[in-house]
Amino acid sequence: MNRLLHLLMPAMLAVTAPAAESFVYFGTYTGPKSQGIYRARFDSATGRLGAAELAAECSSPSFLAVHPSGKYLYAIDEKADSAKDPARGVAAYAVDARSGALTLLNEQGIGSRGPCHLEVEATGRTLLVANYAGGSVVSLPISPDGKLGPARSHFTHAGSSVNQARQKDPHAHAIVASRDNRFAYVPDLGTDKIMIYQLDAAKATLASATPPFATLPPGSGPRHIAFHPGNTFAYAINEMLCTIAVFAVDLKTGALSDVQSISTLPPGESVQRGQSTAEIIVHPNGRFVYGSNRGHNTIVAYAVDLKTGKLTLIGHESTQGKTPRHFAIDPSGRWLLAENQDSDTVVVFRLDPKTGKLAPAGQSLAVPSPVCAVFVPAK
């Protein structure tokens, strides 16, 4: 067994202790119903969500990321086109840990169209952004006061794949740092590749890795990727084929090697019109993986083989709404919040950290067009 995985095993297998009360921030698509980022209080002891309130008025903050300190929150503007408006793209906010209020620090352009995903790497010095419409990724420095500086790296992908309706051009759909913070991985829906970059957090830069990518079956449409706590396995969810690709991670080079491909739908079911996947999360204890099925409107749960990384189906749970574009597991590891974009609801589920099974907790919160959720500890 990998030495790092062996050292991490006790923490991964332990049932996570409940966290303190948190604020949950919801990214949305703005329009007639939504005005920006919303927030609600969350009690991990009971799984109770308070009422949702507008935290910041802004344009389509469809994905959010929290600084490791919990002091700052970052949001994309999915409608942004930095080529036309250099000031738009991402925004930085200061978080008031007592009230949950957000104060705009600054906005920064990203030199591309249509940002769709962002992440703050583990040291809190670099913001990583993936741009779907522009088929590109950028890295921006984060100053000690939480503000964003101009981009220091910008890579535009090239290529296409077999589905000309969806894959005529590259579409970087997410950017996620490895657990050891040495690499950044970018599922590109348009090219059926996961691009691999070397990450220098101190300099806030990216560089193409060797090998520079991993390839998925034609027409997969990779969307998001998540890493096991031991960093030895990676799980990529494929939007178009409704599958999860399991990879072994080479800790020296960052290379990904095929381990398994498994459907996100129930056994015997094929992908129907209007069905696609969205989010993927590895449970903090490393024993379970979860994915969301849009159209099918379920969360799928799998058990993880800790030696091989392979997945075994546990079951499917209805999200009690339409189009679960995203879901989030709270810091205690005992609750899952499913955001149903097209029914304007966030539904709470109990999560058993021993079995991985989900069960409705009996609460549905009204949030307009919710498409992302992140937790910030409250004081």
Protein backbone atom coordinates (compact mmCIF):
# COMPACT_ATOMS: atom_id res chain seq x y z
CA MET A 1 0.00 0.00 0.00
CA ASN A 2 1.21 3.51 -0.82
CA ARG A 3 3.00 4.97 2.24
CA LEU A 4 1.02 8.22 2.13
CA LEU A 5 -2.25 6.30 1.98
CA HIS A 6 -1.11 4.13 4.89
CA LEU A 7 -0.35 7.19 7.02
CA LEU A 8 -3.68 8.80 6.21
CA MET A 9 -5.81 5.69 6.69
CA PRO A 10 -6.74 6.18 10.38
CA ALA A 11 -8.06 9.67 9.73
CA MET A 12 -9.87 8.58 6.59
CA LEU A 13 -11.67 5.74 8.31
CA ALA A 14 -12.68 7.70 11.38
CA VAL A 15 -16.19 9.14 11.56
CA THR A 16 -15.68 12.87 11.28
CA ALA A 17 -16.58 14.84 14.41
CA PRO A 18 -19.39 17.38 13.96
CA ALA A 19 -18.23 20.86 13.01
CA ALA A 20 -19.47 24.10 14.52
CA GLU A 21 -22.29 26.09 13.00
CA SER A 22 -21.54 27.22 9.46
CA PHE A 23 -22.74 29.63 6.86
CA VAL A 24 -23.65 28.05 3.54
CA TYR A 25 -23.22 30.29 0.51
CA PHE A 26 -25.17 29.46 -2.63
CA GLY A 27 -24.04 30.39 -6.11
CA THR A 28 -26.91 30.97 -8.55
CA TYR A 29 -27.82 31.95 -12.07
CA THR A 30 -29.15 35.49 -11.87
CA GLY A 31 -32.32 36.61 -13.61
CA PRO A 32 -35.95 37.16 -12.68
CA LYS A 33 -35.62 35.04 -9.52
CA SER A 34 -32.04 35.45 -8.33
CA GLN A 35 -29.94 38.52 -7.64
CA GLY A 36 -26.60 36.92 -6.76
CA ILE A 37 -25.02 34.98 -3.88
CA TYR A 38 -27.31 33.77 -1.09
CA ARG A 39 -26.44 32.56 2.40
CA ALA A 40 -28.08 30.50 5.14
CA ARG A 41 -26.99 29.26 8.57
CA PHE A 42 -26.40 25.53 8.91
CA ASP A 43 -26.36 23.52 12.15
CA SER A 44 -24.35 20.31 11.72
CA ALA A 45 -25.75 18.87 14.95
CA THR A 46 -29.29 18.82 13.55
CA GLY A 47 -28.81 19.32 9.79
CA ARG A 48 -31.05 22.35 9.99
CA LEU A 49 -30.77 25.13 7.40
CA GLY A 50 -31.98 28.63 8.19
CA ALA A 51 -33.71 30.88 5.69
CA ALA A 52 -31.76 31.96 2.61
CA GLU A 53 -30.87 35.65 2.38
CA LEU A 54 -29.12 37.65 -0.32
CA ALA A 55 -25.46 38.01 0.67
CA ALA A 56 -24.11 39.84 -2.38
CA GLU A 57 -25.79 41.21 -5.48
CA CYS A 58 -23.78 40.18 -8.52
CA SER A 59 -24.02 38.60 -11.98
CA SER A 60 -24.41 34.79 -12.29
CA PRO A 61 -22.00 33.64 -9.55
CA SER A 62 -22.50 30.04 -10.64
CA PHE A 63 -19.44 28.68 -8.85
CA LEU A 64 -17.89 29.71 -5.53
CA ALA A 65 -14.66 28.91 -3.70
CA VAL A 66 -13.57 29.58 -0.11
CA HIS A 67 -10.11 30.60 1.01
CA PRO A 68 -8.48 28.09 3.43
CA SER A 69 -8.59 30.75 6.16
CA GLY A 70 -12.37 31.06 5.79
CA LYS A 71 -11.93 34.84 5.60
CA TYR A 72 -12.50 35.23 1.86
CA LEU A 73 -14.90 33.93 -0.77
CA TYR A 74 -14.41 34.00 -4.53
CA ALA A 75 -17.06 33.90 -7.24
CA ILE A 76 -17.03 33.71 -11.01
CA ASP A 77 -19.28 35.78 -13.24
CA GLU A 78 -20.35 33.16 -15.76
CA LYS A 79 -21.68 35.80 -18.13
CA ALA A 80 -18.31 37.53 -18.22
CA ASP A 81 -16.28 38.09 -21.36
CA SER A 82 -12.95 39.53 -20.24
CA ALA A 83 -11.91 40.09 -23.82
CA LYS A 84 -14.65 42.73 -24.10
CA ASP A 85 -14.68 43.86 -20.46
CA PRO A 86 -11.22 43.37 -18.90
CA ALA A 87 -12.53 44.11 -15.39
CA ARG A 88 -15.00 41.20 -15.29
CA GLY A 89 -14.48 37.53 -14.61
CA VAL A 90 -13.95 36.80 -10.92
CA ALA A 91 -14.68 38.67 -7.70
CA ALA A 92 -13.20 38.51 -4.20
CA TYR A 93 -15.27 39.04 -1.05
CA ALA A 94 -14.41 39.38 2.63
CA VAL A 95 -16.52 37.13 4.87
CA ASP A 96 -17.88 38.37 8.20
CA ALA A 97 -17.77 35.18 10.28
CA ARG A 98 -20.36 36.51 12.76
CA SER A 99 -23.04 37.83 10.42
CA GLY A 100 -22.18 36.02 7.19
CA ALA A 101 -22.10 39.34 5.32
CA LEU A 102 -19.95 39.60 2.21
CA THR A 103 -17.98 42.73 1.35
CA LEU A 104 -16.60 43.11 -2.18
CA LEU A 105 -12.81 43.45 -2.15
CA ASN A 106 -12.11 43.65 -5.86
CA GLU A 107 -12.87 42.19 -9.27
CA GLN A 108 -10.37 40.86 -11.75
CA GLY A 109 -10.50 40.03 -15.44
CA ILE A 110 -9.40 36.62 -16.71
CA GLY A 111 -8.76 37.31 -20.39
CA SER A 112 -11.33 34.80 -21.57
CA ARG A 113 -15.03 34.12 -22.05
CA GLY A 114 -17.44 32.15 -19.91
CA PRO A 115 -15.73 31.15 -16.65
CA CYS A 116 -17.43 28.11 -15.13
CA HIS A 117 -15.31 26.84 -12.21
CA LEU A 118 -12.70 28.08 -9.75
CA GLU A 119 -10.69 26.80 -6.80
CA VAL A 120 -8.32 28.22 -4.20
CA GLU A 121 -5.35 25.88 -3.81
CA ALA A 122 -4.32 24.66 -0.34
CA THR A 123 -1.89 27.46 0.59
CA GLY A 124 -4.39 30.19 -0.24
CA ARG A 125 -1.99 32.06 -2.51
CA THR A 126 -3.43 31.13 -5.92
CA LEU A 127 -6.88 31.17 -7.48
CA LEU A 128 -7.39 28.75 -10.37
CA VAL A 129 -10.12 29.42 -12.95
CA ALA A 130 -11.51 27.29 -15.80
CA ASN A 131 -13.26 29.01 -18.70
CA TYR A 132 -15.81 26.88 -20.57
CA ALA A 133 -16.58 29.21 -23.47
CA GLY A 134 -12.97 30.24 -23.91
CA GLY A 135 -11.58 26.71 -23.55
CA SER A 136 -8.87 28.03 -21.26
CA VAL A 137 -7.47 28.13 -17.72
CA VAL A 138 -5.84 30.93 -15.75
CA SER A 139 -4.08 31.34 -12.41
CA LEU A 140 -4.29 34.53 -10.36
CA PRO A 141 -2.34 35.56 -7.24
CA ILE A 142 -4.19 36.14 -3.97
CA SER A 143 -2.72 38.84 -1.77
CA PRO A 144 -2.64 38.54 2.06
CA ASP A 145 -5.71 40.80 2.25
CA GLY A 146 -7.68 38.45 -0.01
CA LYS A 147 -7.64 40.62 -3.11
CA LEU A 148 -6.93 39.18 -6.54
CA GLY A 149 -4.08 40.27 -8.78
CA PRO A 150 -3.87 40.05 -12.59
CA ALA A 151 -3.53 36.57 -14.09
CA ARG A 152 -0.01 35.15 -14.15
CA SER A 153 -0.69 32.06 -16.30
CA HIS A 154 -3.10 31.63 -19.19
CA PHE A 155 -3.40 28.46 -21.28
CA THR A 156 -5.87 28.00 -24.14
CA HIS A 157 -6.66 24.41 -25.07
CA ALA A 158 -6.92 23.08 -28.62
CA GLY A 159 -8.78 20.20 -30.21
CA SER A 160 -12.22 18.65 -30.52
CA SER A 161 -13.95 15.28 -30.29
CA VAL A 162 -16.66 13.18 -31.87
CA ASN A 163 -19.84 15.03 -30.85
CA GLN A 164 -19.82 18.11 -33.07
CA ALA A 165 -22.81 19.60 -31.30
CA ARG A 166 -20.98 19.68 -27.95
CA GLN A 167 -17.33 19.01 -28.76
CA LYS A 168 -16.44 21.12 -31.77
CA ASP A 169 -14.15 23.24 -29.58
CA PRO A 170 -12.33 22.81 -26.26
CA HIS A 171 -14.39 23.49 -23.12
CA ALA A 172 -12.41 23.55 -19.89
CA HIS A 173 -15.05 22.61 -17.31
CA ALA A 174 -13.20 22.58 -13.98
CA ILE A 175 -9.77 23.05 -12.45
CA VAL A 176 -8.81 21.15 -9.30
CA ALA A 177 -5.50 20.96 -7.43
CA SER A 178 -4.14 17.58 -6.36
CA ARG A 179 -4.12 16.79 -2.64
CA ASP A 180 -0.36 17.35 -2.48
CA ASN A 181 -0.83 20.73 -4.23
CA ARG A 182 1.77 19.95 -6.90
CA PHE A 183 -0.54 19.61 -9.92
CA ALA A 184 -3.77 21.06 -11.28
CA TYR A 185 -6.17 18.94 -13.34
CA VAL A 186 -8.63 20.27 -15.93
CA PRO A 187 -11.42 18.10 -17.35
CA ASP A 188 -12.02 19.44 -20.87
CA LEU A 189 -15.47 18.43 -22.10
CA GLY A 190 -14.73 19.43 -25.69
CA THR A 191 -11.56 17.39 -26.18
CA ASP A 192 -12.27 14.33 -23.98
CA LYS A 193 -9.03 14.99 -22.13
CA ILE A 194 -8.00 15.80 -18.60
CA MET A 195 -5.24 18.36 -18.94
CA ILE A 196 -2.47 18.21 -16.33
CA TYR A 197 -0.51 21.25 -15.13
CA GLN A 198 2.33 21.71 -12.70
CA LEU A 199 1.26 24.14 -9.98
CA ASP A 200 3.63 26.60 -8.31
CA ALA A 201 1.46 28.08 -5.57
CA ALA A 202 4.19 30.43 -4.32
CA LYS A 203 4.42 32.09 -7.74
CA ALA A 204 0.72 31.58 -8.63
CA THR A 205 1.71 29.98 -11.93
CA LEU A 206 0.88 26.92 -14.00
CA ALA A 207 3.07 24.99 -16.44
CA SER A 208 2.23 22.07 -18.68
CA ALA A 209 3.11 18.76 -17.02
CA THR A 210 4.71 15.67 -18.54
CA PRO A 211 2.54 13.90 -19.59
CA PRO A 212 0.31 16.91 -20.35
CA PHE A 213 -3.02 15.07 -20.33
CA ALA A 214 -4.98 11.86 -19.89
CA THR A 215 -7.45 10.71 -22.54
CA LEU A 216 -11.02 9.48 -22.06
CA PRO A 217 -13.24 7.48 -24.46
CA PRO A 218 -14.64 9.57 -27.34
CA GLY A 219 -17.86 11.38 -26.45
CA SER A 220 -17.31 11.15 -22.68
CA GLY A 221 -17.43 14.88 -22.02
CA PRO A 222 -15.41 15.04 -18.76
CA ARG A 223 -16.84 17.68 -16.43
CA HIS A 224 -15.43 17.58 -12.87
CA ILE A 225 -12.72 15.66 -11.03
CA ALA A 226 -12.16 14.81 -7.35
CA PHE A 227 -9.23 13.25 -5.51
CA HIS A 228 -9.09 10.65 -2.79
CA PRO A 229 -7.65 11.93 0.53
CA GLY A 230 -4.52 9.83 -0.05
CA ASN A 231 -4.07 11.49 -3.48
CA THR A 232 -3.49 8.05 -5.01
CA PHE A 233 -6.83 7.89 -6.85
CA ALA A 234 -8.79 10.40 -8.94
CA TYR A 235 -12.44 10.27 -10.01
CA ALA A 236 -13.63 12.11 -13.14
CA ILE A 237 -17.35 12.39 -13.84
CA ASN A 238 -18.27 12.39 -17.53
CA GLU A 239 -21.23 14.61 -18.36
CA MET A 240 -22.23 13.14 -21.71
CA LEU A 241 -21.82 9.38 -21.17
CA CYS A 242 -22.98 9.45 -17.51
CA THR A 243 -19.93 7.55 -16.31
CA ILE A 244 -17.19 7.95 -13.71
CA ALA A 245 -13.61 7.23 -14.74
CA VAL A 246 -11.35 5.99 -11.94
CA PHE A 247 -7.64 6.73 -12.24
CA ALA A 248 -4.50 5.84 -10.32
CA VAL A 249 -2.34 8.93 -9.73
CA ASP A 250 1.42 8.91 -10.21
CA LEU A 251 2.61 11.04 -7.30
CA LYS A 252 5.88 11.94 -9.06
CA THR A 253 4.63 13.01 -12.49
CA GLY A 254 0.92 13.60 -11.87
CA ALA A 255 0.05 11.12 -14.64
CA LEU A 256 -3.34 9.39 -14.56
CA SER A 257 -3.69 5.65 -15.33
CA ASP A 258 -7.02 3.96 -16.10
CA VAL A 259 -8.44 1.78 -13.34
CA GLN A 260 -12.20 1.55 -13.97
CA SER A 261 -15.18 3.09 -15.76
CA ILE A 262 -18.59 2.79 -14.08
CA SER A 263 -22.06 4.09 -14.97
CA THR A 264 -23.73 6.71 -12.80
CA LEU A 265 -27.16 5.27 -13.70
CA PRO A 266 -28.87 2.20 -12.22
CA PRO A 267 -27.80 -1.18 -13.67
CA GLY A 268 -29.35 -1.82 -17.07
CA GLU A 269 -30.29 1.81 -17.72
CA SER A 270 -28.83 3.73 -20.65
CA VAL A 271 -28.47 7.48 -21.03
CA GLN A 272 -31.72 9.10 -22.12
CA ARG A 273 -32.32 12.44 -23.79
CA GLY A 274 -32.00 15.22 -21.23
CA GLN A 275 -29.81 13.22 -18.86
CA SER A 276 -26.27 14.19 -17.90
CA THR A 277 -24.00 14.22 -14.89
CA ALA A 278 -22.68 17.21 -12.97
CA GLU A 279 -20.83 17.14 -9.63
CA ILE A 280 -18.56 14.52 -8.02
CA ILE A 281 -17.31 14.45 -4.41
CA VAL A 282 -15.16 12.05 -2.40
CA HIS A 283 -16.35 11.78 1.22
CA PRO A 284 -13.82 13.22 3.72
CA ASN A 285 -13.27 9.74 5.20
CA GLY A 286 -12.22 8.42 1.76
CA ARG A 287 -14.64 5.48 1.85
CA PHE A 288 -17.34 6.80 -0.50
CA VAL A 289 -17.79 8.70 -3.77
CA TYR A 290 -20.94 10.58 -4.79
CA GLY A 291 -22.10 11.96 -8.14
CA SER A 292 -25.16 13.85 -9.38
CA ASN A 293 -27.38 12.86 -12.30
CA ARG A 294 -29.34 15.64 -13.98
CA GLY A 295 -32.53 14.58 -15.71
CA HIS A 296 -32.44 11.36 -13.72
CA ASN A 297 -32.43 13.72 -10.71
CA THR A 298 -30.51 11.50 -8.32
CA ILE A 299 -27.37 11.34 -6.26
CA VAL A 300 -25.45 8.11 -6.87
CA ALA A 301 -23.33 6.66 -4.06
CA TYR A 302 -20.40 4.23 -4.33
CA ALA A 303 -18.14 2.42 -1.88
CA VAL A 304 -14.39 2.80 -2.48
CA ASP A 305 -11.96 -0.12 -2.44
CA LEU A 306 -9.14 1.53 -0.48
CA LYS A 307 -6.50 -0.71 -2.09
CA THR A 308 -7.47 -0.33 -5.74
CA GLY A 309 -9.64 2.80 -5.80
CA LYS A 310 -12.40 0.89 -7.60
CA LEU A 311 -16.03 1.77 -6.98
CA THR A 312 -18.96 -0.48 -6.07
CA LEU A 313 -22.50 0.86 -6.36
CA ILE A 314 -24.33 1.52 -3.10
CA GLY A 315 -27.49 3.03 -4.60
CA HIS A 316 -29.34 6.08 -5.91
CA GLU A 317 -31.28 8.69 -3.94
CA SER A 318 -33.80 11.09 -5.51
CA THR A 319 -32.86 14.74 -5.00
CA GLN A 320 -36.57 15.57 -4.67
CA GLY A 321 -36.22 18.23 -7.32
CA LYS A 322 -35.07 18.95 -10.85
CA THR A 323 -31.53 19.23 -12.20
CA PRO A 324 -29.06 18.70 -9.34
CA ARG A 325 -26.25 20.67 -10.92
CA HIS A 326 -24.26 20.56 -7.70
CA PHE A 327 -24.28 19.14 -4.18
CA ALA A 328 -22.08 19.58 -1.14
CA ILE A 329 -21.13 17.54 1.94
CA ASP A 330 -20.92 19.52 5.17
CA PRO A 331 -17.66 19.64 7.20
CA SER A 332 -18.89 17.01 9.66
CA GLY A 333 -19.38 14.51 6.81
CA ARG A 334 -22.90 13.68 8.04
CA TRP A 335 -25.08 15.83 5.78
CA LEU A 336 -25.42 16.32 2.03
CA LEU A 337 -27.07 19.34 0.45
CA ALA A 338 -28.41 18.86 -3.09
CA GLU A 339 -29.01 22.02 -5.15
CA ASN A 340 -31.87 21.53 -7.61
CA GLN A 341 -31.34 24.24 -10.21
CA ASP A 342 -34.68 23.97 -12.02
CA SER A 343 -36.93 23.59 -8.99
CA ASP A 344 -35.30 26.37 -6.92
CA THR A 345 -34.67 24.15 -3.91
CA VAL A 346 -31.84 22.93 -1.71
CA VAL A 347 -32.70 19.58 -0.10
CA VAL A 348 -30.91 18.21 2.98
CA PHE A 349 -30.00 14.51 3.28
CA ARG A 350 -28.58 12.53 6.17
CA LEU A 351 -25.35 10.77 5.25
CA ASP A 352 -24.24 7.71 7.18
CA PRO A 353 -20.41 7.90 7.38
CA LYS A 354 -20.26 4.15 8.08
CA THR A 355 -22.39 2.87 5.20
CA GLY A 356 -22.36 5.82 2.80
CA LYS A 357 -26.15 5.66 2.43
CA LEU A 358 -28.29 8.77 2.05
CA ALA A 359 -31.75 9.45 3.48
CA PRO A 360 -33.96 12.57 3.27
CA ALA A 361 -33.67 14.75 6.38
CA GLY A 362 -37.08 16.30 5.83
CA GLN A 363 -36.04 19.82 4.85
CA SER A 364 -36.23 21.65 1.55
CA LEU A 365 -35.01 25.25 1.44
CA ALA A 366 -36.16 27.75 -1.19
CA VAL A 367 -33.17 29.20 -3.06
CA PRO A 368 -33.55 30.73 -6.53
CA SER A 369 -31.70 28.79 -9.26
CA PRO A 370 -29.08 27.24 -6.93
CA VAL A 371 -26.04 25.77 -8.69
CA CYS A 372 -23.28 25.70 -6.05
CA ALA A 373 -22.87 25.53 -2.26
CA VAL A 374 -19.86 26.11 -0.02
CA PHE A 375 -19.46 26.08 3.76
CA VAL A 376 -17.70 28.70 5.91
CA PRO A 377 -17.38 28.25 9.72
CA ALA A 378 -19.43 30.75 11.70
CA LYS A 379 -18.43 32.40 15.00
